[in-house]
């Protein structure tokens, strides 16, 4: 079971990256649940669900790049809204919303590269 996930970004990009994720994940009802300005913030739908954290890389440490992270959606419409919001916020298309039979018969997902190039997905796996 996942307790939390944190990735670090360069200090100069922290505010922009947080703003991008808040816009892109708004269709999933993610908001800033915890905020340690200039250090880290936890996003989720409630304080107990704030498992997605963004932090500032410390002491010149390299920020994590190249990860893939998938968020669950309750329906296809939420996947579609994520994709639209993420692209409008400046993300780059990495797979428009649609079925992905190669991952399973009910797999409906969308993929967007965040401003750092990380592959962010929202997926609905319910039968429709």
N, C-alpha and C. Protein backbone atom coordinates (compact mmCIF):
# COMPACT_ATOMS: atom_id res chain seq x y z
N UNK A 1 0.84 -1.18 0.00
CA UNK A 1 0.00 0.00 0.00
C UNK A 1 0.89 1.25 0.00
N UNK A 2 0.56 2.18 -0.80
CA UNK A 2 1.31 3.42 -0.90
C UNK A 2 0.91 4.36 0.24
N UNK A 3 1.89 4.86 0.96
CA UNK A 3 1.64 5.85 2.01
C UNK A 3 1.71 7.25 1.43
N UNK A 4 2.78 7.54 0.70
CA UNK A 4 2.90 8.82 0.02
C UNK A 4 3.96 8.73 -1.07
N UNK A 5 3.90 9.68 -1.97
CA UNK A 5 4.86 9.77 -3.07
C UNK A 5 5.33 11.21 -3.11
N UNK A 6 6.63 11.42 -3.11
CA UNK A 6 7.20 12.76 -3.20
C UNK A 6 8.20 12.81 -4.34
N UNK A 7 8.14 13.86 -5.10
CA UNK A 7 9.22 14.10 -6.05
C UNK A 7 9.70 15.52 -5.85
N UNK A 8 10.99 15.72 -6.06
CA UNK A 8 11.62 17.01 -5.83
C UNK A 8 11.88 17.72 -7.15
N UNK A 9 11.70 19.03 -7.09
CA UNK A 9 11.90 19.87 -8.27
C UNK A 9 12.88 20.98 -7.91
N UNK A 10 13.53 21.57 -8.90
CA UNK A 10 14.42 22.69 -8.61
C UNK A 10 13.65 23.83 -7.94
N UNK A 11 14.27 24.50 -6.98
CA UNK A 11 13.62 25.59 -6.24
C UNK A 11 13.04 26.64 -7.17
N UNK A 12 13.75 26.97 -8.23
CA UNK A 12 13.29 28.01 -9.15
C UNK A 12 12.01 27.61 -9.89
N UNK A 13 11.71 26.32 -9.98
CA UNK A 13 10.52 25.86 -10.69
C UNK A 13 9.40 25.41 -9.77
N UNK A 14 9.63 25.42 -8.46
CA UNK A 14 8.67 24.88 -7.50
C UNK A 14 7.27 25.48 -7.65
N UNK A 15 7.15 26.79 -7.60
CA UNK A 15 5.82 27.42 -7.66
C UNK A 15 5.11 27.10 -8.96
N UNK A 16 5.82 27.12 -10.07
CA UNK A 16 5.21 26.82 -11.37
C UNK A 16 4.75 25.37 -11.45
N UNK A 17 5.55 24.46 -10.92
CA UNK A 17 5.18 23.03 -10.95
C UNK A 17 3.97 22.78 -10.07
N UNK A 18 3.94 23.37 -8.87
CA UNK A 18 2.78 23.21 -7.99
C UNK A 18 1.54 23.75 -8.68
N UNK A 19 1.63 24.92 -9.30
CA UNK A 19 0.48 25.51 -9.99
C UNK A 19 0.01 24.60 -11.12
N UNK A 20 0.94 23.99 -11.86
CA UNK A 20 0.57 23.10 -12.95
C UNK A 20 -0.20 21.90 -12.42
N UNK A 21 0.31 21.27 -11.38
CA UNK A 21 -0.38 20.09 -10.83
C UNK A 21 -1.73 20.46 -10.25
N UNK A 22 -1.86 21.61 -9.60
CA UNK A 22 -3.17 22.01 -9.08
C UNK A 22 -4.17 22.19 -10.21
N UNK A 23 -3.75 22.77 -11.32
CA UNK A 23 -4.65 22.94 -12.47
C UNK A 23 -4.96 21.61 -13.13
N UNK A 24 -3.93 20.81 -13.36
CA UNK A 24 -4.12 19.53 -14.06
C UNK A 24 -4.95 18.55 -13.27
N UNK A 25 -4.83 18.57 -11.94
CA UNK A 25 -5.53 17.60 -11.10
C UNK A 25 -6.84 18.13 -10.52
N UNK A 26 -7.22 19.35 -10.89
CA UNK A 26 -8.50 19.91 -10.43
C UNK A 26 -9.68 19.01 -10.80
N UNK A 27 -9.70 18.39 -12.00
CA UNK A 27 -10.82 17.50 -12.32
C UNK A 27 -10.93 16.29 -11.38
N UNK A 28 -9.85 15.96 -10.69
CA UNK A 28 -9.87 14.86 -9.73
C UNK A 28 -10.16 15.36 -8.31
N UNK A 29 -10.45 16.66 -8.21
CA UNK A 29 -10.73 17.32 -6.92
C UNK A 29 -9.52 17.36 -6.00
N UNK A 30 -8.32 17.32 -6.55
CA UNK A 30 -7.11 17.46 -5.75
C UNK A 30 -6.89 18.94 -5.45
N UNK A 31 -6.59 19.22 -4.20
CA UNK A 31 -6.23 20.56 -3.77
C UNK A 31 -5.03 20.44 -2.84
N UNK A 32 -4.48 21.59 -2.48
CA UNK A 32 -3.34 21.61 -1.57
C UNK A 32 -3.87 21.35 -0.16
N UNK A 33 -3.50 20.22 0.42
CA UNK A 33 -3.96 19.84 1.76
C UNK A 33 -2.95 20.24 2.84
N UNK A 34 -1.68 20.22 2.49
CA UNK A 34 -0.62 20.63 3.40
C UNK A 34 0.31 21.55 2.63
N UNK A 35 0.79 22.59 3.28
CA UNK A 35 1.66 23.53 2.59
C UNK A 35 2.77 24.00 3.52
N UNK A 36 3.99 23.75 3.10
CA UNK A 36 5.17 24.25 3.78
C UNK A 36 5.88 25.13 2.76
N UNK A 37 5.47 26.41 2.68
CA UNK A 37 5.92 27.30 1.60
C UNK A 37 7.42 27.24 1.35
N UNK A 38 7.76 27.11 0.07
CA UNK A 38 9.15 27.06 -0.34
C UNK A 38 9.85 25.76 -0.01
N UNK A 39 9.12 24.80 0.56
CA UNK A 39 9.73 23.53 0.97
C UNK A 39 8.99 22.34 0.36
N UNK A 40 7.69 22.23 0.62
CA UNK A 40 6.92 21.09 0.13
C UNK A 40 5.44 21.34 0.31
N UNK A 41 4.64 20.61 -0.46
CA UNK A 41 3.20 20.62 -0.26
C UNK A 41 2.64 19.25 -0.59
N UNK A 42 1.54 18.92 0.07
CA UNK A 42 0.86 17.64 -0.14
C UNK A 42 -0.48 17.87 -0.79
N UNK A 43 -0.74 17.18 -1.89
CA UNK A 43 -2.00 17.32 -2.63
C UNK A 43 -2.86 16.08 -2.43
N UNK A 44 -4.16 16.28 -2.41
CA UNK A 44 -5.11 15.19 -2.29
C UNK A 44 -6.51 15.75 -2.25
N UNK A 45 -7.48 14.89 -1.95
CA UNK A 45 -8.87 15.34 -1.87
C UNK A 45 -9.27 15.62 -0.42
N UNK A 46 -8.43 15.24 0.52
CA UNK A 46 -8.64 15.50 1.94
C UNK A 46 -7.28 15.35 2.62
N UNK A 47 -7.15 15.83 3.85
CA UNK A 47 -5.85 15.66 4.52
C UNK A 47 -5.40 14.20 4.60
N UNK A 48 -6.32 13.28 4.81
CA UNK A 48 -5.91 11.87 4.93
C UNK A 48 -5.55 11.26 3.58
N UNK A 49 -5.94 11.92 2.48
CA UNK A 49 -5.61 11.37 1.15
C UNK A 49 -4.45 12.11 0.49
N UNK A 50 -3.80 12.98 1.20
CA UNK A 50 -2.70 13.77 0.62
C UNK A 50 -1.45 12.91 0.51
N UNK A 51 -1.45 12.02 -0.45
CA UNK A 51 -0.32 11.10 -0.64
C UNK A 51 0.63 11.56 -1.74
N UNK A 52 0.26 12.60 -2.46
CA UNK A 52 1.07 13.11 -3.56
C UNK A 52 1.74 14.41 -3.10
N UNK A 53 3.07 14.37 -2.97
CA UNK A 53 3.83 15.50 -2.45
C UNK A 53 4.83 16.02 -3.47
N UNK A 54 4.99 17.34 -3.48
CA UNK A 54 5.99 17.99 -4.32
C UNK A 54 6.93 18.73 -3.36
N UNK A 55 8.22 18.49 -3.50
CA UNK A 55 9.20 19.12 -2.63
C UNK A 55 10.27 19.85 -3.42
N UNK A 56 11.03 20.66 -2.73
CA UNK A 56 12.15 21.38 -3.33
C UNK A 56 13.40 20.52 -3.17
N UNK A 57 14.13 20.33 -4.26
CA UNK A 57 15.39 19.58 -4.21
C UNK A 57 16.34 20.32 -3.26
N UNK A 58 16.96 19.58 -2.37
CA UNK A 58 17.82 20.18 -1.35
C UNK A 58 19.30 20.12 -1.73
N UNK A 59 20.02 21.12 -1.31
CA UNK A 59 21.49 21.15 -1.42
C UNK A 59 21.98 20.83 -2.83
N UNK A 60 21.29 21.34 -3.83
CA UNK A 60 21.73 21.12 -5.19
C UNK A 60 21.47 19.72 -5.71
N UNK A 61 20.73 18.91 -4.95
CA UNK A 61 20.43 17.55 -5.41
C UNK A 61 19.58 17.62 -6.67
N UNK A 62 19.81 16.70 -7.54
CA UNK A 62 19.05 16.66 -8.79
C UNK A 62 17.60 16.30 -8.51
N UNK A 63 16.71 16.94 -9.21
CA UNK A 63 15.29 16.62 -9.11
C UNK A 63 15.04 15.31 -9.85
N UNK A 64 14.05 14.59 -9.41
CA UNK A 64 13.67 13.34 -10.07
C UNK A 64 13.06 13.67 -11.43
N UNK A 65 13.49 12.95 -12.45
CA UNK A 65 12.92 13.13 -13.79
C UNK A 65 12.59 11.77 -14.36
N UNK A 66 11.65 11.75 -15.25
CA UNK A 66 11.37 10.55 -15.99
C UNK A 66 10.46 9.56 -15.30
N UNK A 67 9.73 9.96 -14.27
CA UNK A 67 8.84 9.00 -13.63
C UNK A 67 7.47 8.97 -14.31
N UNK A 68 6.74 7.91 -14.06
CA UNK A 68 5.37 7.75 -14.54
C UNK A 68 4.50 7.59 -13.31
N UNK A 69 3.43 8.37 -13.26
CA UNK A 69 2.51 8.33 -12.13
C UNK A 69 1.09 8.31 -12.67
N UNK A 70 0.28 7.37 -12.18
CA UNK A 70 -1.11 7.27 -12.63
C UNK A 70 -2.06 7.53 -11.46
N UNK A 71 -3.04 8.38 -11.71
CA UNK A 71 -4.09 8.68 -10.76
C UNK A 71 -5.36 7.97 -11.20
N UNK A 72 -6.16 7.48 -10.24
CA UNK A 72 -7.43 6.82 -10.55
C UNK A 72 -8.51 7.87 -10.78
N UNK A 73 -9.36 7.59 -11.76
CA UNK A 73 -10.55 8.41 -12.01
C UNK A 73 -11.78 7.54 -11.82
N UNK A 74 -12.91 8.18 -11.54
CA UNK A 74 -14.15 7.44 -11.33
C UNK A 74 -14.91 7.18 -12.62
N UNK A 75 -14.56 7.91 -13.69
CA UNK A 75 -15.28 7.74 -14.95
C UNK A 75 -14.46 8.31 -16.11
N UNK A 76 -14.92 8.01 -17.31
CA UNK A 76 -14.22 8.48 -18.52
C UNK A 76 -14.22 10.01 -18.60
N UNK A 77 -15.30 10.63 -18.18
CA UNK A 77 -15.40 12.09 -18.27
C UNK A 77 -14.31 12.77 -17.43
N UNK A 78 -13.98 12.19 -16.29
CA UNK A 78 -12.93 12.76 -15.46
C UNK A 78 -11.58 12.64 -16.15
N UNK A 79 -11.34 11.52 -16.81
CA UNK A 79 -10.11 11.34 -17.59
C UNK A 79 -10.03 12.43 -18.66
N UNK A 80 -11.14 12.64 -19.36
CA UNK A 80 -11.18 13.65 -20.41
C UNK A 80 -10.93 15.06 -19.85
N UNK A 81 -11.52 15.37 -18.69
CA UNK A 81 -11.35 16.70 -18.08
C UNK A 81 -9.90 16.89 -17.61
N UNK A 82 -9.29 15.82 -17.05
CA UNK A 82 -7.88 15.91 -16.66
C UNK A 82 -7.03 16.28 -17.87
N UNK A 83 -7.21 15.55 -18.96
CA UNK A 83 -6.40 15.78 -20.15
C UNK A 83 -6.51 17.23 -20.62
N UNK A 84 -7.74 17.71 -20.72
CA UNK A 84 -7.97 19.08 -21.18
C UNK A 84 -7.32 20.09 -20.23
N UNK A 85 -7.54 19.92 -18.92
CA UNK A 85 -6.98 20.85 -17.94
C UNK A 85 -5.45 20.82 -17.95
N UNK A 86 -4.88 19.62 -18.05
CA UNK A 86 -3.42 19.49 -18.02
C UNK A 86 -2.77 20.13 -19.23
N UNK A 87 -3.35 19.93 -20.40
CA UNK A 87 -2.81 20.53 -21.63
C UNK A 87 -2.99 22.05 -21.59
N UNK A 88 -4.16 22.51 -21.15
CA UNK A 88 -4.39 23.96 -21.07
C UNK A 88 -3.44 24.62 -20.08
N UNK A 89 -3.00 23.87 -19.06
CA UNK A 89 -2.07 24.40 -18.07
C UNK A 89 -0.62 24.38 -18.55
N UNK A 90 -0.39 23.84 -19.76
CA UNK A 90 0.96 23.84 -20.33
C UNK A 90 1.60 22.48 -20.46
N UNK A 91 0.88 21.42 -20.11
CA UNK A 91 1.41 20.07 -20.29
C UNK A 91 1.43 19.70 -21.76
N UNK A 92 2.20 18.66 -22.09
CA UNK A 92 2.30 18.21 -23.48
C UNK A 92 1.61 16.86 -23.63
N UNK A 93 0.85 16.74 -24.70
CA UNK A 93 0.16 15.49 -25.00
C UNK A 93 1.14 14.34 -25.04
N UNK A 94 0.76 13.24 -24.36
CA UNK A 94 1.55 12.02 -24.43
C UNK A 94 0.63 10.81 -24.62
N UNK A 95 -0.61 11.09 -25.04
CA UNK A 95 -1.60 10.05 -25.27
C UNK A 95 -2.99 10.57 -24.96
N UNK A 96 -3.75 10.90 -25.99
CA UNK A 96 -5.07 11.45 -25.80
C UNK A 96 -6.00 10.46 -25.09
N UNK A 97 -7.07 10.95 -24.47
CA UNK A 97 -7.99 10.07 -23.77
C UNK A 97 -8.57 9.00 -24.71
N UNK A 98 -8.62 7.80 -24.19
CA UNK A 98 -9.20 6.72 -24.97
C UNK A 98 -8.92 5.36 -24.38
N UNK A 99 -9.53 4.33 -24.97
CA UNK A 99 -9.30 2.97 -24.49
C UNK A 99 -7.87 2.52 -24.78
N UNK A 100 -7.35 1.71 -23.90
CA UNK A 100 -6.03 1.11 -24.06
C UNK A 100 -6.19 -0.39 -23.81
N UNK A 101 -6.71 -1.09 -24.81
CA UNK A 101 -7.00 -2.52 -24.66
C UNK A 101 -5.78 -3.33 -24.29
N UNK A 102 -4.59 -2.85 -24.69
CA UNK A 102 -3.37 -3.59 -24.37
C UNK A 102 -3.11 -3.66 -22.87
N UNK A 103 -3.77 -2.76 -22.10
CA UNK A 103 -3.62 -2.76 -20.64
C UNK A 103 -4.79 -3.44 -19.93
N UNK A 104 -5.84 -3.78 -20.66
CA UNK A 104 -7.00 -4.43 -20.06
C UNK A 104 -8.27 -4.01 -20.78
N UNK A 105 -9.31 -4.82 -20.68
CA UNK A 105 -10.54 -4.57 -21.45
C UNK A 105 -11.28 -3.30 -21.04
N UNK A 106 -11.13 -2.82 -19.82
CA UNK A 106 -11.87 -1.64 -19.36
C UNK A 106 -10.95 -0.44 -19.13
N UNK A 107 -9.74 -0.49 -19.66
CA UNK A 107 -8.74 0.54 -19.40
C UNK A 107 -8.98 1.74 -20.30
N UNK A 108 -9.26 2.89 -19.69
CA UNK A 108 -9.47 4.14 -20.41
C UNK A 108 -8.57 5.18 -19.76
N UNK A 109 -7.60 5.68 -20.49
CA UNK A 109 -6.63 6.58 -19.88
C UNK A 109 -6.21 7.72 -20.79
N UNK A 110 -5.53 8.68 -20.17
CA UNK A 110 -4.94 9.80 -20.90
C UNK A 110 -3.59 10.08 -20.26
N UNK A 111 -2.64 10.52 -21.09
CA UNK A 111 -1.26 10.74 -20.66
C UNK A 111 -0.81 12.14 -21.06
N UNK A 112 -0.19 12.84 -20.11
CA UNK A 112 0.33 14.19 -20.36
C UNK A 112 1.70 14.29 -19.72
N UNK A 113 2.64 14.93 -20.40
CA UNK A 113 3.95 15.21 -19.83
C UNK A 113 3.85 16.52 -19.05
N UNK A 114 4.27 16.49 -17.78
CA UNK A 114 4.26 17.71 -16.99
C UNK A 114 5.39 18.63 -17.46
N UNK A 115 5.51 19.84 -16.91
CA UNK A 115 6.54 20.77 -17.38
C UNK A 115 7.98 20.26 -17.24
N UNK A 116 8.20 19.23 -16.42
CA UNK A 116 9.54 18.66 -16.29
C UNK A 116 9.73 17.43 -17.17
N UNK A 117 8.67 17.00 -17.88
CA UNK A 117 8.78 15.84 -18.75
C UNK A 117 8.35 14.53 -18.12
N UNK A 118 7.79 14.56 -16.91
CA UNK A 118 7.30 13.34 -16.27
C UNK A 118 5.96 12.93 -16.89
N UNK A 119 5.75 11.64 -17.04
CA UNK A 119 4.55 11.10 -17.68
C UNK A 119 3.44 10.93 -16.64
N UNK A 120 2.41 11.77 -16.73
CA UNK A 120 1.30 11.76 -15.77
C UNK A 120 0.07 11.19 -16.48
N UNK A 121 -0.55 10.22 -15.84
CA UNK A 121 -1.70 9.52 -16.42
C UNK A 121 -2.88 9.62 -15.46
N UNK A 122 -4.07 9.67 -16.04
CA UNK A 122 -5.29 9.46 -15.27
C UNK A 122 -6.03 8.35 -15.97
N UNK A 123 -6.51 7.35 -15.18
CA UNK A 123 -7.10 6.15 -15.75
C UNK A 123 -8.39 5.78 -15.04
N UNK A 124 -9.35 5.30 -15.84
CA UNK A 124 -10.59 4.73 -15.32
C UNK A 124 -10.61 3.29 -15.80
N UNK A 125 -10.76 2.36 -14.85
CA UNK A 125 -10.76 0.93 -15.20
C UNK A 125 -12.11 0.28 -14.97
N UNK A 126 -13.16 1.08 -14.79
CA UNK A 126 -14.48 0.50 -14.56
C UNK A 126 -15.15 0.13 -15.88
N UNK A 127 -15.97 -0.90 -15.84
CA UNK A 127 -16.71 -1.32 -17.04
C UNK A 127 -17.82 -0.31 -17.30
N UNK A 128 -18.00 0.02 -18.57
CA UNK A 128 -19.06 0.95 -18.96
C UNK A 128 -19.98 0.30 -19.96
